[in-house]
Structure formats: structure tokens, C-alpha cells
Amino acid sequence: MQFFHNTHIDFIGKRKFFYILSIAITMLGLVVAFVRGVEYGIDFEGGTEAAFEFARPVPLDEVRNAIDAGGFVGAEIKSYGKENQALIRVKGHSQTQAGERVTKVSDRLQEVLVKAFPGNNITVLRSDNIGPKVGAELRTKAIYAVLASIVAILAYISFRFEFLFGVAAIIALVHDVLVAFACAVIFNGLFGLNLEMNQGILAAFLTVVGFSINDTVIIFDRIRENRTLHRGENLLMLMNRSINETLPRTFNTSLTVALVLVILLVFSGEVLRGFAFTMLVGIITGTYSSIYIASAFVVDAMIAQKKLDPNAERDFTTHHERVLNERRAATQA
């Protein structure tokens, strides 16, 4: 099944609306982040990680409920190899010595579990501490990782196409990461979502970057092909043609990935839910940014540099309306 076959949608003509929409969402996210603050996970803030073994297996959901009831709200709980083992990670802000802090937190966790599951012998397999300094270093390296990936992509796109196209692709990528970050900050704590910044969210950001640039490259590649096949055609018409020709592929790919992420978001546990939500937002924004941000930026930049006649947009709009009227007349006939 192929959706959007032989379309003639005016994508470029709607670009200013999506400029405003993207800026509004990004600014809202930044304001919320400034007012509420960004909540970091144990990876970037520091805390305690302890592994426990139960004499009899206990479902992770029950372990999570017990830990929440014990006062460790927002703890990360996952399987630790065997079905009767669990890894618990909790954030901590104590200023005591590292060794003392690990002992106290792990003992407190064990007390909570023993109280919640009486008669089930519970053993501490190991406990480690991630100090605030280490968390800050990981936070800095995470930012460097995102920036390094963006710079590498700029070099690749500039080499494969033109520098202007590379800049457009980077603007779209930065937009995608900022929108995903904004939505993570806004929806953190809503609808039962735990969207604190951790390695899972970082992995989602980097995956969004890779997915988004893939869509952008497909469109740019078709634009380059059509510039050879349709020499002399109005650039706006040519770009609209290219986007419409790649639309079925873009929609089918994005829809397939989005369906998988929705299933993960609904049925997966706490460990994957933040990744799935951030990726889902990134897939949606990455799809339309390839069209309304990357391609549109090339058009506006060329108009600003006087490489494209400003009247070309008026001619494009007239052409688009004429084609739509012809299609309506053919349908009615």
C-alpha cells in the first residue's frame, strides 16, 4: 500500500507557519526548563546503584511500588540478569562521605524491600556510588556528543551537496533536538511519564539526529536529481516536486517507526518509556523539519542572497493554484 501517491501539496508555501510553530514550541520548552528546572537522572546528577537478589522472584512492578512507597520516588528499577535479581538506582543529595552514603542508601533500600516482602530473603549483591562530580562530567560529555555528531553531519552534507544545504540540515537537526528536549521538559511528570535527563534520553536525541538527517538527505538527493532532469524550472516548483515525490517513502518510514514507538510507550516499562516518548516526538519533528525547515531554509537563504528571484514565489503560488484548479475540474468532469 502506498500513501500520498502523485500528490501536489504546497509544502514550501506553508513554511512560515511551521517556522512560527517550531519557534513557539522551542521557546515554551526553554521557558519551562528555566522555571521548573531540568530534572537529571542518576547518570548526570549522581546517586546510588545497588543490586539485590531475592530468594523467590518478585515482579519488577511490585519492587517499583515498594521502593516508591519507601520514599525513593523516581527510582530506576530493572532486571539484573536473573529473574530473581533487580538493579535499583536512586538519586541522592547527601553530602556525607561516599562510602557512608552507599552503605546507608543500600541498607535503607534493603530495609524497604524486606518490609514489603516479608519471608523473602533479600541479599545485597553490590552497591556503587556515582558522585555529583562524575555526574556533571557525564552531563558535559553528553552535550559534547550531540555537538560532535552535528558537526560531523555538517561536514558530510557540505561535501555531498553544498555548504548551504549542510547549514540547512544542521538547523533542522538542532531544531529537532530542541523540540524533543522541550517536550521532554514539558511532559515530565505528566500522564505518569518519567522524562528525567539520563542516558536513555541522550540515546534518543542521538537517534533522532540520525533519523532526521536520513530524511533530509533523501529529499536533498531528489532535489539534486531534479535540478539535472528539469533544468530551468522554478526552484520552488522543483523543491515542491522533489518533496512530493519522496513523500510516500517519508510517510511510510516514519509511520512504521512511530507505530513501534507507540507500542513501546504504552506497553514497555519505566526503563524504555522515556526513550520511546522522546524518539516519538523526534520522529514527528524530524519528518516535518526535513520539509519545512531544511528545504525551506535553502529557499529563504537563496532569496536573501539574491540567488533566487523574489518574484519566483509569486509565480510558484500562481502555478500551484492553476494545477489545483485543473485537478478539481478534471475530478468534477
C-alpha atoms as a PDB file:
ATOM      1  CA  MET A   1       0.000   0.000   0.000  1.00  0.00           C
ATOM      2  CA  GLN A   2       1.328   3.419  -0.967  1.00  0.00           C
ATOM      3  CA  PHE A   3       0.024   6.595   0.631  1.00  0.00           C
ATOM      4  CA  PHE A   4       0.112  10.064  -0.950  1.00  0.00           C
ATOM      5  CA  HIS A   5       0.683   8.837  -4.498  1.00  0.00           C
ATOM      6  CA  ASN A   6       1.068  11.535  -7.159  1.00  0.00           C
ATOM      7  CA  THR A   7       0.429  14.450  -4.783  1.00  0.00           C
ATOM      8  CA  HIS A   8       0.816  18.145  -5.478  1.00  0.00           C
ATOM      9  CA  ILE A   9       0.933  19.645  -1.977  1.00  0.00           C
ATOM     10  CA  ASP A  10       2.225  23.172  -1.474  1.00  0.00           C
ATOM     11  CA  PHE A  11       4.852  22.400   1.186  1.00  0.00           C
ATOM     12  CA  ILE A  12       7.161  25.342   0.530  1.00  0.00           C
ATOM     13  CA  GLY A  13       4.295  27.824   0.598  1.00  0.00           C
ATOM     14  CA  LYS A  14       3.397  26.800   4.181  1.00  0.00           C
ATOM     15  CA  ARG A  15       6.919  27.120   5.572  1.00  0.00           C
ATOM     16  CA  LYS A  16       6.359  30.369   7.521  1.00  0.00           C
ATOM     17  CA  PHE A  17       3.573  28.831   9.586  1.00  0.00           C
ATOM     18  CA  PHE A  18       5.860  25.979  10.611  1.00  0.00           C
ATOM     19  CA  TYR A  19       8.679  28.428  11.376  1.00  0.00           C
ATOM     20  CA  ILE A  20       6.382  30.084  13.915  1.00  0.00           C
ATOM     21  CA  LEU A  21       5.138  26.749  15.289  1.00  0.00           C
ATOM     22  CA  SER A  22       8.647  25.393  15.825  1.00  0.00           C
ATOM     23  CA  ILE A  23       9.889  28.588  17.464  1.00  0.00           C
ATOM     24  CA  ALA A  24       6.841  28.670  19.763  1.00  0.00           C
ATOM     25  CA  ILE A  25       7.301  25.059  20.935  1.00  0.00           C
ATOM     26  CA  THR A  26      11.044  25.505  21.436  1.00  0.00           C
ATOM     27  CA  MET A  27      10.662  28.760  23.372  1.00  0.00           C
ATOM     28  CA  LEU A  28       7.909  27.251  25.539  1.00  0.00           C
ATOM     29  CA  GLY A  29      10.189  24.334  26.385  1.00  0.00           C
ATOM     30  CA  LEU A  30      13.090  26.634  27.258  1.00  0.00           C
ATOM     31  CA  VAL A  31      10.851  28.788  29.470  1.00  0.00           C
ATOM     32  CA  VAL A  32       9.525  25.699  31.263  1.00  0.00           C
ATOM     33  CA  ALA A  33      13.082  24.393  31.663  1.00  0.00           C
ATOM     34  CA  PHE A  34      14.134  27.734  33.159  1.00  0.00           C
ATOM     35  CA  VAL A  35      11.136  27.948  35.515  1.00  0.00           C
ATOM     36  CA  ARG A  36      10.875  24.301  36.608  1.00  0.00           C
ATOM     37  CA  GLY A  37      14.493  23.372  36.069  1.00  0.00           C
ATOM     38  CA  VAL A  38      15.714  20.309  34.202  1.00  0.00           C
ATOM     39  CA  GLU A  39      15.447  17.077  36.162  1.00  0.00           C
ATOM     40  CA  TYR A  40      18.533  14.918  35.717  1.00  0.00           C
ATOM     41  CA  GLY A  41      18.746  11.201  36.313  1.00  0.00           C
ATOM     42  CA  ILE A  42      21.356   9.403  38.363  1.00  0.00           C
ATOM     43  CA  ASP A  43      23.691   9.295  35.340  1.00  0.00           C
ATOM     44  CA  PHE A  44      24.018  13.073  35.242  1.00  0.00           C
ATOM     45  CA  GLU A  45      23.298  14.046  38.845  1.00  0.00           C
ATOM     46  CA  GLY A  46      24.809  11.296  40.948  1.00  0.00           C
ATOM     47  CA  GLY A  47      23.307   8.755  43.303  1.00  0.00           C
ATOM     48  CA  THR A  48      23.452   5.119  44.356  1.00  0.00           C
ATOM     49  CA  GLU A  49      23.173   1.927  42.343  1.00  0.00           C
ATOM     50  CA  ALA A  50      22.500  -1.315  44.213  1.00  0.00           C
ATOM     51  CA  ALA A  51      21.776  -4.864  43.024  1.00  0.00           C
ATOM     52  CA  PHE A  52      19.595  -7.222  45.069  1.00  0.00           C
ATOM     53  CA  GLU A  53      18.830 -10.928  44.886  1.00  0.00           C
ATOM     54  CA  PHE A  54      15.512 -12.353  46.119  1.00  0.00           C
ATOM     55  CA  ALA A  55      15.131 -15.890  47.382  1.00  0.00           C
ATOM     56  CA  ARG A  56      11.876 -16.020  45.404  1.00  0.00           C
ATOM     57  CA  PRO A  57      11.361 -13.992  42.209  1.00  0.00           C
ATOM     58  CA  VAL A  58       9.337 -10.787  42.590  1.00  0.00           C
ATOM     59  CA  PRO A  59       7.789  -8.868  39.633  1.00  0.00           C
ATOM     60  CA  LEU A  60       9.620  -5.615  38.928  1.00  0.00           C
ATOM     61  CA  ASP A  61       6.359  -3.658  39.117  1.00  0.00           C
ATOM     62  CA  GLU A  62       5.896  -4.797  42.717  1.00  0.00           C
ATOM     63  CA  VAL A  63       9.506  -3.892  43.516  1.00  0.00           C
ATOM     64  CA  ARG A  64       8.930  -0.447  41.988  1.00  0.00           C
ATOM     65  CA  ASN A  65       5.768   0.094  44.033  1.00  0.00           C
ATOM     66  CA  ALA A  66       7.587  -0.904  47.216  1.00  0.00           C
ATOM     67  CA  ILE A  67      10.506   1.426  46.513  1.00  0.00           C
ATOM     68  CA  ASP A  68       8.148   4.331  45.732  1.00  0.00           C
ATOM     69  CA  ALA A  69       6.225   3.685  48.934  1.00  0.00           C
ATOM     70  CA  GLY A  70       9.505   3.674  50.831  1.00  0.00           C
ATOM     71  CA  GLY A  71      10.237   7.256  49.829  1.00  0.00           C
ATOM     72  CA  PHE A  72      12.534   6.656  46.848  1.00  0.00           C
ATOM     73  CA  VAL A  73      10.251   8.255  44.262  1.00  0.00           C
ATOM     74  CA  GLY A  74      11.630   8.255  40.711  1.00  0.00           C
ATOM     75  CA  ALA A  75      13.983   5.307  41.263  1.00  0.00           C
ATOM     76  CA  GLU A  76      15.118   3.371  38.199  1.00  0.00           C
ATOM     77  CA  ILE A  77      14.484  -0.369  38.556  1.00  0.00           C
ATOM     78  CA  LYS A  78      15.350  -3.071  36.043  1.00  0.00           C
ATOM     79  CA  SER A  79      16.294  -6.720  35.800  1.00  0.00           C
ATOM     80  CA  TYR A  80      19.828  -7.645  36.778  1.00  0.00           C
ATOM     81  CA  GLY A  81      20.400 -10.809  34.768  1.00  0.00           C
ATOM     82  CA  LYS A  82      18.287 -13.436  36.526  1.00  0.00           C
ATOM     83  CA  GLU A  83      14.551 -13.295  37.201  1.00  0.00           C
ATOM     84  CA  ASN A  84      15.163 -13.107  40.958  1.00  0.00           C
ATOM     85  CA  GLN A  85      17.629 -10.217  40.715  1.00  0.00           C
ATOM     86  CA  ALA A  86      16.919  -6.487  40.433  1.00  0.00           C
ATOM     87  CA  LEU A  87      19.065  -3.406  39.931  1.00  0.00           C
ATOM     88  CA  ILE A  88      17.864  -0.294  41.737  1.00  0.00           C
ATOM     89  CA  ARG A  89      19.230   3.178  41.017  1.00  0.00           C
ATOM     90  CA  VAL A  90      18.223   6.133  43.161  1.00  0.00           C
ATOM     91  CA  LYS A  91      19.285   9.753  43.157  1.00  0.00           C
ATOM     92  CA  GLY A  92      20.804  11.189  46.288  1.00  0.00           C
ATOM     93  CA  HIS A  93      21.888  14.614  47.505  1.00  0.00           C
ATOM     94  CA  SER A  94      23.646  13.662  50.739  1.00  0.00           C
ATOM     95  CA  GLN A  95      26.928  15.409  51.467  1.00  0.00           C
ATOM     96  CA  THR A  96      28.346  12.585  53.605  1.00  0.00           C
ATOM     97  CA  GLN A  97      31.392  10.534  52.704  1.00  0.00           C
ATOM     98  CA  ALA A  98      30.961   8.341  49.645  1.00  0.00           C
ATOM     99  CA  GLY A  99      31.425   5.032  51.483  1.00  0.00           C
ATOM    100  CA  GLU A 100      28.985   6.007  54.232  1.00  0.00           C
ATOM    101  CA  ARG A 101      26.420   7.212  51.751  1.00  0.00           C
ATOM    102  CA  VAL A 102      26.486   3.955  49.754  1.00  0.00           C
ATOM    103  CA  THR A 103      26.111   1.864  52.917  1.00  0.00           C
ATOM    104  CA  LYS A 104      23.212   3.914  54.247  1.00  0.00           C
ATOM    105  CA  VAL A 105      21.272   4.049  50.984  1.00  0.00           C
ATOM    106  CA  SER A 106      21.726   0.358  50.170  1.00  0.00           C
ATOM    107  CA  ASP A 107      20.779  -0.630  53.723  1.00  0.00           C
ATOM    108  CA  ARG A 108      17.713   1.602  53.578  1.00  0.00           C
ATOM    109  CA  LEU A 109      16.675   0.046  50.253  1.00  0.00           C
ATOM    110  CA  GLN A 110      17.118  -3.412  51.725  1.00  0.00           C
ATOM    111  CA  GLU A 111      15.004  -2.465  54.750  1.00  0.00           C
ATOM    112  CA  VAL A 112      12.224  -1.225  52.468  1.00  0.00           C
ATOM    113  CA  LEU A 113      12.286  -4.440  50.426  1.00  0.00           C
ATOM    114  CA  VAL A 114      12.366  -6.702  53.484  1.00  0.00           C
ATOM    115  CA  LYS A 115       9.363  -4.865  54.924  1.00  0.00           C
ATOM    116  CA  ALA A 116       7.470  -5.068  51.621  1.00  0.00           C
ATOM    117  CA  PHE A 117       8.245  -8.757  51.021  1.00  0.00           C
ATOM    118  CA  PRO A 118       8.360 -10.498  54.410  1.00  0.00           C
ATOM    119  CA  GLY A 119       9.698 -14.038  54.381  1.00  0.00           C
ATOM    120  CA  ASN A 120      11.603 -13.466  51.140  1.00  0.00           C
ATOM    121  CA  ASN A 121      15.313 -13.493  51.907  1.00  0.00           C
ATOM    122  CA  ILE A 122      16.961 -10.482  50.205  1.00  0.00           C
ATOM    123  CA  THR A 123      20.711 -10.164  49.626  1.00  0.00           C
ATOM    124  CA  VAL A 124      22.711  -7.126  48.501  1.00  0.00           C
ATOM    125  CA  LEU A 125      24.871  -8.274  45.584  1.00  0.00           C
ATOM    126  CA  ARG A 126      26.708  -4.997  45.103  1.00  0.00           C
ATOM    127  CA  SER A 127      26.338  -1.265  45.619  1.00  0.00           C
ATOM    128  CA  ASP A 128      28.104   1.608  43.891  1.00  0.00           C
ATOM    129  CA  ASN A 129      28.022   5.356  44.179  1.00  0.00           C
ATOM    130  CA  ILE A 130      28.025   7.939  41.375  1.00  0.00           C
ATOM    131  CA  GLY A 131      29.216  11.226  42.825  1.00  0.00           C
ATOM    132  CA  PRO A 132      27.896  14.646  41.737  1.00  0.00           C
ATOM    133  CA  LYS A 133      31.245  15.458  40.099  1.00  0.00           C
ATOM    134  CA  VAL A 134      31.110  12.347  37.932  1.00  0.00           C
ATOM    135  CA  GLY A 135      27.512  13.143  37.023  1.00  0.00           C
ATOM    136  CA  ALA A 136      28.483  16.671  35.966  1.00  0.00           C
ATOM    137  CA  GLU A 137      31.288  15.280  33.803  1.00  0.00           C
ATOM    138  CA  LEU A 138      28.886  12.850  32.125  1.00  0.00           C
ATOM    139  CA  ARG A 139      26.463  15.725  31.527  1.00  0.00           C
ATOM    140  CA  THR A 140      29.191  17.746  29.798  1.00  0.00           C
ATOM    141  CA  LYS A 141      30.282  14.777  27.698  1.00  0.00           C
ATOM    142  CA  ALA A 142      26.665  14.181  26.659  1.00  0.00           C
ATOM    143  CA  ILE A 143      26.449  17.733  25.296  1.00  0.00           C
ATOM    144  CA  TYR A 144      29.772  17.256  23.502  1.00  0.00           C
ATOM    145  CA  ALA A 145      28.488  14.023  21.956  1.00  0.00           C
ATOM    146  CA  VAL A 146      25.437  15.753  20.472  1.00  0.00           C
ATOM    147  CA  LEU A 147      27.523  18.696  19.195  1.00  0.00           C
ATOM    148  CA  ALA A 148      30.164  16.393  17.695  1.00  0.00           C
ATOM    149  CA  SER A 149      27.519  14.432  15.795  1.00  0.00           C
ATOM    150  CA  ILE A 150      26.033  17.666  14.428  1.00  0.00           C
ATOM    151  CA  VAL A 151      29.436  18.966  13.268  1.00  0.00           C
ATOM    152  CA  ALA A 152      30.233  15.636  11.586  1.00  0.00           C
ATOM    153  CA  ILE A 153      26.908  15.721   9.744  1.00  0.00           C
ATOM    154  CA  LEU A 154      27.565  19.321   8.625  1.00  0.00           C
ATOM    155  CA  ALA A 155      30.861  18.219   7.079  1.00  0.00           C
ATOM    156  CA  TYR A 156      29.223  15.248   5.354  1.00  0.00           C
ATOM    157  CA  ILE A 157      26.282  17.174   3.877  1.00  0.00           C
ATOM    158  CA  SER A 158      28.529  20.038   2.768  1.00  0.00           C
ATOM    159  CA  PHE A 159      30.784  17.556   0.965  1.00  0.00           C
ATOM    160  CA  ARG A 160      27.941  15.608  -0.627  1.00  0.00           C
ATOM    161  CA  PHE A 161      25.790  18.578  -1.631  1.00  0.00           C
ATOM    162  CA  GLU A 162      26.579  22.260  -0.999  1.00  0.00           C
ATOM    163  CA  PHE A 163      27.542  24.192   2.121  1.00  0.00           C
ATOM    164  CA  LEU A 164      24.151  25.969   2.163  1.00  0.00           C
ATOM    165  CA  PHE A 165      22.402  22.599   2.182  1.00  0.00           C
ATOM    166  CA  GLY A 166      24.679  21.499   5.028  1.00  0.00           C
ATOM    167  CA  VAL A 167      23.751  24.555   7.094  1.00  0.00           C
ATOM    168  CA  ALA A 168      20.048  23.909   6.387  1.00  0.00           C
ATOM    169  CA  ALA A 169      20.400  20.299   7.535  1.00  0.00           C
ATOM    170  CA  ILE A 170      22.121  21.370  10.764  1.00  0.00           C
ATOM    171  CA  ILE A 171      19.429  23.948  11.529  1.00  0.00           C
ATOM    172  CA  ALA A 172      16.824  21.207  11.096  1.00  0.00           C
ATOM    173  CA  LEU A 173      18.774  18.843  13.377  1.00  0.00           C
ATOM    174  CA  VAL A 174      19.211  21.453  16.108  1.00  0.00           C
ATOM    175  CA  HIS A 175      15.505  22.207  15.794  1.00  0.00           C
ATOM    176  CA  ASP A 176      14.631  18.509  16.227  1.00  0.00           C
ATOM    177  CA  VAL A 177      16.796  18.118  19.341  1.00  0.00           C
ATOM    178  CA  LEU A 178      15.455  21.335  20.888  1.00  0.00           C
ATOM    179  CA  VAL A 179      11.822  20.388  20.252  1.00  0.00           C
ATOM    180  CA  ALA A 180      12.384  16.881  21.651  1.00  0.00           C
ATOM    181  CA  PHE A 181      14.127  18.421  24.680  1.00  0.00           C
ATOM    182  CA  ALA A 182      11.307  20.950  25.099  1.00  0.00           C
ATOM    183  CA  CYS A 183       8.621  18.250  25.018  1.00  0.00           C
ATOM    184  CA  ALA A 184      10.581  16.087  27.477  1.00  0.00           C
ATOM    185  CA  VAL A 185      10.770  19.008  29.922  1.00  0.00           C
ATOM    186  CA  ILE A 186       7.116  19.999  29.452  1.00  0.00           C
ATOM    187  CA  PHE A 187       5.654  16.485  29.813  1.00  0.00           C
ATOM    188  CA  ASN A 188       7.975  15.276  32.568  1.00  0.00           C
ATOM    189  CA  GLY A 189       5.744  14.122  35.415  1.00  0.00           C
ATOM    190  CA  LEU A 190       2.549  14.353  33.340  1.00  0.00           C
ATOM    191  CA  PHE A 191       0.480  11.267  32.425  1.00  0.00           C
ATOM    192  CA  GLY A 192       2.834   9.146  34.523  1.00  0.00           C
ATOM    193  CA  LEU A 193       5.833   9.906  32.323  1.00  0.00           C
ATOM    194  CA  ASN A 194       9.280   9.987  33.908  1.00  0.00           C
ATOM    195  CA  LEU A 195      11.331  12.058  31.459  1.00  0.00           C
ATOM    196  CA  GLU A 196      14.355  12.979  33.539  1.00  0.00           C
ATOM    197  CA  MET A 197      17.528  13.536  31.538  1.00  0.00           C
ATOM    198  CA  ASN A 198      19.546  10.315  31.554  1.00  0.00           C
ATOM    199  CA  GLN A 199      21.497   8.118  29.173  1.00  0.00           C
ATOM    200  CA  GLY A 200      18.285   6.766  27.646  1.00  0.00           C
ATOM    201  CA  ILE A 201      17.108  10.260  26.724  1.00  0.00           C
ATOM    202  CA  LEU A 202      20.587  11.057  25.382  1.00  0.00           C
ATOM    203  CA  ALA A 203      20.431   7.929  23.212  1.00  0.00           C
ATOM    204  CA  ALA A 204      17.038   9.115  21.934  1.00  0.00           C
ATOM    205  CA  PHE A 205      18.465  12.534  21.000  1.00  0.00           C
ATOM    206  CA  LEU A 206      21.328  10.945  19.041  1.00  0.00           C
ATOM    207  CA  THR A 207      18.932   8.516  17.327  1.00  0.00           C
ATOM    208  CA  VAL A 208      16.672  11.423  16.356  1.00  0.00           C
ATOM    209  CA  VAL A 209      19.679  13.160  14.810  1.00  0.00           C
ATOM    210  CA  GLY A 210      20.463  10.081  12.709  1.00  0.00           C
ATOM    211  CA  PHE A 211      16.858   9.514  11.658  1.00  0.00           C
ATOM    212  CA  SER A 212      16.209  13.141  10.783  1.00  0.00           C
ATOM    213  CA  ILE A 213      19.316  13.526   8.645  1.00  0.00           C
ATOM    214  CA  ASN A 214      18.320  10.399   6.730  1.00  0.00           C
ATOM    215  CA  ASP A 215      15.033  12.018   5.664  1.00  0.00           C
ATOM    216  CA  THR A 216      16.815  15.261   4.817  1.00  0.00           C
ATOM    217  CA  VAL A 217      19.419  13.515   2.653  1.00  0.00           C
ATOM    218  CA  ILE A 218      16.689  11.662   0.717  1.00  0.00           C
ATOM    219  CA  ILE A 219      14.925  14.941  -0.107  1.00  0.00           C
ATOM    220  CA  PHE A 220      18.148  16.786  -0.943  1.00  0.00           C
ATOM    221  CA  ASP A 221      19.233  13.914  -3.180  1.00  0.00           C
ATOM    222  CA  ARG A 222      15.959  14.090  -5.112  1.00  0.00           C
ATOM    223  CA  ILE A 223      16.336  17.873  -5.424  1.00  0.00           C
ATOM    224  CA  ARG A 224      19.786  17.384  -6.901  1.00  0.00           C
ATOM    225  CA  GLU A 225      18.466  14.814  -9.381  1.00  0.00           C
ATOM    226  CA  ASN A 226      15.565  17.025 -10.434  1.00  0.00           C
ATOM    227  CA  ARG A 227      17.844  20.031 -10.940  1.00  0.00           C
ATOM    228  CA  THR A 228      19.503  17.948 -13.657  1.00  0.00           C
ATOM    229  CA  LEU A 229      16.300  16.450 -15.098  1.00  0.00           C
ATOM    230  CA  HIS A 230      14.280  19.691 -15.046  1.00  0.00           C
ATOM    231  CA  ARG A 231      16.791  22.374 -15.890  1.00  0.00           C
ATOM    232  CA  GLY A 232      15.396  25.904 -15.863  1.00  0.00           C
ATOM    233  CA  GLU A 233      12.385  25.020 -13.684  1.00  0.00           C
ATOM    234  CA  ASN A 234      11.484  27.454 -10.931  1.00  0.00           C
ATOM    235  CA  LEU A 235      13.465  26.310  -7.838  1.00  0.00           C
ATOM    236  CA  LEU A 236      10.391  26.469  -5.601  1.00  0.00           C
ATOM    237  CA  MET A 237       8.453  24.297  -8.031  1.00  0.00           C
ATOM    238  CA  LEU A 238      11.395  21.935  -8.275  1.00  0.00           C
ATOM    239  CA  MET A 239      11.682  21.617  -4.489  1.00  0.00           C
ATOM    240  CA  ASN A 240       7.945  21.046  -4.129  1.00  0.00           C
ATOM    241  CA  ARG A 241       8.155  18.409  -6.850  1.00  0.00           C
ATOM    242  CA  SER A 242      11.031  16.678  -5.044  1.00  0.00           C
ATOM    243  CA  ILE A 243       9.272  16.696  -1.659  1.00  0.00           C
ATOM    244  CA  ASN A 244       6.048  15.346  -3.161  1.00  0.00           C
ATOM    245  CA  GLU A 245       7.942  12.595  -4.984  1.00  0.00           C
ATOM    246  CA  THR A 246       9.658  11.442  -1.777  1.00  0.00           C
ATOM    247  CA  LEU A 247       6.550  11.891   0.384  1.00  0.00           C
ATOM    248  CA  PRO A 248       5.316   8.259   0.157  1.00  0.00           C
ATOM    249  CA  ARG A 249       8.701   6.938   1.265  1.00  0.00           C
ATOM    250  CA  THR A 250       8.992   9.521   4.058  1.00  0.00           C
ATOM    251  CA  PHE A 251       5.482   8.860   5.357  1.00  0.00           C
ATOM    252  CA  ASN A 252       5.726   5.057   5.249  1.00  0.00           C
ATOM    253  CA  THR A 253       9.093   5.014   7.018  1.00  0.00           C
ATOM    254  CA  SER A 254       8.058   7.476   9.712  1.00  0.00           C
ATOM    255  CA  LEU A 255       4.699   5.753  10.279  1.00  0.00           C
ATOM    256  CA  THR A 256       6.353   2.349  10.697  1.00  0.00           C
ATOM    257  CA  VAL A 257       8.824   3.646  13.276  1.00  0.00           C
ATOM    258  CA  ALA A 258       6.150   5.699  15.051  1.00  0.00           C
ATOM    259  CA  LEU A 259       3.881   2.651  15.463  1.00  0.00           C
ATOM    260  CA  VAL A 260       6.708   0.694  17.099  1.00  0.00           C
ATOM    261  CA  LEU A 261       7.447   3.605  19.441  1.00  0.00           C
ATOM    262  CA  VAL A 262       3.783   3.977  20.409  1.00  0.00           C
ATOM    263  CA  ILE A 263       3.706   0.290  21.343  1.00  0.00           C
ATOM    264  CA  LEU A 264       6.875   0.732  23.406  1.00  0.00           C
ATOM    265  CA  LEU A 265       5.428   3.835  25.049  1.00  0.00           C
ATOM    266  CA  VAL A 266       2.228   2.053  26.050  1.00  0.00           C
ATOM    267  CA  PHE A 267       3.466  -1.422  26.957  1.00  0.00           C
ATOM    268  CA  SER A 268       7.133  -1.058  27.938  1.00  0.00           C
ATOM    269  CA  GLY A 269       8.364  -0.449  31.457  1.00  0.00           C
ATOM    270  CA  GLU A 270       9.840   2.649  33.032  1.00  0.00           C
ATOM    271  CA  VAL A 271      13.290   1.965  31.610  1.00  0.00           C
ATOM    272  CA  LEU A 272      12.235   2.360  27.952  1.00  0.00           C
ATOM    273  CA  ARG A 273       9.288   4.739  28.263  1.00  0.00           C
ATOM    274  CA  GLY A 274      11.377   7.930  28.323  1.00  0.00           C
ATOM    275  CA  PHE A 275      13.372   6.791  25.289  1.00  0.00           C
ATOM    276  CA  ALA A 276      10.190   5.862  23.392  1.00  0.00           C
ATOM    277  CA  PHE A 277       8.470   9.193  24.120  1.00  0.00           C
ATOM    278  CA  THR A 278      11.493  11.295  23.149  1.00  0.00           C
ATOM    279  CA  MET A 279      12.031   9.256  19.987  1.00  0.00           C
ATOM    280  CA  LEU A 280       8.342   9.551  19.041  1.00  0.00           C
ATOM    281  CA  VAL A 281       8.483  13.342  19.322  1.00  0.00           C
ATOM    282  CA  GLY A 282      11.761  13.353  17.395  1.00  0.00           C
ATOM    283  CA  ILE A 283      10.355  11.191  14.587  1.00  0.00           C
ATOM    284  CA  ILE A 284       7.419  13.571  14.113  1.00  0.00           C
ATOM    285  CA  THR A 285       9.521  16.740  14.238  1.00  0.00           C
ATOM    286  CA  GLY A 286      12.300  15.162  12.177  1.00  0.00           C
ATOM    287  CA  THR A 287       9.848  14.296   9.421  1.00  0.00           C
ATOM    288  CA  TYR A 288       8.392  17.771   9.044  1.00  0.00           C
ATOM    289  CA  SER A 289      11.693  19.582   9.694  1.00  0.00           C
ATOM    290  CA  SER A 290      13.201  17.871   6.650  1.00  0.00           C
ATOM    291  CA  ILE A 291      10.422  19.501   4.630  1.00  0.00           C
ATOM    292  CA  TYR A 292       9.516  22.753   6.358  1.00  0.00           C
ATOM    293  CA  ILE A 293      12.853  23.657   7.955  1.00  0.00           C
ATOM    294  CA  ALA A 294      15.733  22.246   5.889  1.00  0.00           C
ATOM    295  CA  SER A 295      14.290  22.671   2.388  1.00  0.00           C
ATOM    296  CA  ALA A 296      12.524  25.931   3.278  1.00  0.00           C
ATOM    297  CA  PHE A 297      15.711  27.426   4.729  1.00  0.00           C
ATOM    298  CA  VAL A 298      17.525  26.831   1.430  1.00  0.00           C
ATOM    299  CA  VAL A 299      14.803  28.758  -0.396  1.00  0.00           C
ATOM    300  CA  ASP A 300      14.817  31.703   2.016  1.00  0.00           C
ATOM    301  CA  ALA A 301      18.618  31.803   2.136  1.00  0.00           C
ATOM    302  CA  MET A 302      18.854  31.878  -1.666  1.00  0.00           C
ATOM    303  CA  ILE A 303      16.261  34.670  -1.800  1.00  0.00           C
ATOM    304  CA  ALA A 304      18.255  36.632   0.824  1.00  0.00           C
ATOM    305  CA  GLN A 305      21.480  36.085  -1.153  1.00  0.00           C
ATOM    306  CA  LYS A 306      19.656  37.185  -4.334  1.00  0.00           C
ATOM    307  CA  LYS A 307      20.385  33.843  -5.949  1.00  0.00           C
ATOM    308  CA  LEU A 308      16.653  33.379  -6.358  1.00  0.00           C
ATOM    309  CA  ASP A 309      14.261  35.951  -7.768  1.00  0.00           C
ATOM    310  CA  PRO A 310      11.771  37.055  -5.065  1.00  0.00           C
ATOM    311  CA  ASN A 311       9.071  37.060  -7.749  1.00  0.00           C
ATOM    312  CA  ALA A 312       9.664  33.330  -8.139  1.00  0.00           C
ATOM    313  CA  GLU A 313       7.496  32.687  -5.092  1.00  0.00           C
ATOM    314  CA  ARG A 314       4.609  34.614  -6.616  1.00  0.00           C
ATOM    315  CA  ASP A 315       4.986  32.672  -9.871  1.00  0.00           C
ATOM    316  CA  PHE A 316       5.144  29.432  -7.881  1.00  0.00           C
ATOM    317  CA  THR A 317       1.935  30.242  -5.995  1.00  0.00           C
ATOM    318  CA  THR A 318       0.149  31.066  -9.252  1.00  0.00           C
ATOM    319  CA  HIS A 319       1.362  27.817 -10.803  1.00  0.00           C
ATOM    320  CA  HIS A 320       0.294  25.798  -7.785  1.00  0.00           C
ATOM    321  CA  GLU A 321      -3.212  27.281  -7.781  1.00  0.00           C
ATOM    322  CA  ARG A 322      -3.554  26.650 -11.513  1.00  0.00           C
ATOM    323  CA  VAL A 323      -2.594  22.984 -11.122  1.00  0.00           C
ATOM    324  CA  LEU A 324      -5.069  22.519  -8.274  1.00  0.00           C
ATOM    325  CA  ASN A 325      -7.866  24.139 -10.295  1.00  0.00           C
ATOM    326  CA  GLU A 326      -7.095  21.869 -13.251  1.00  0.00           C
ATOM    327  CA  ARG A 327      -7.255  18.807 -10.951  1.00  0.00           C
ATOM    328  CA  ARG A 328     -10.570  19.928  -9.461  1.00  0.00           C
ATOM    329  CA  ALA A 329     -12.010  20.459 -12.940  1.00  0.00           C
ATOM    330  CA  ALA A 330     -10.793  17.033 -14.061  1.00  0.00           C
ATOM    331  CA  THR A 331     -12.307  15.395 -10.964  1.00  0.00           C
ATOM    332  CA  GLN A 332     -15.684  17.098 -11.459  1.00  0.00           C
ATOM    333  CA  ALA A 333     -15.739  16.148 -15.114  1.00  0.00           C
END
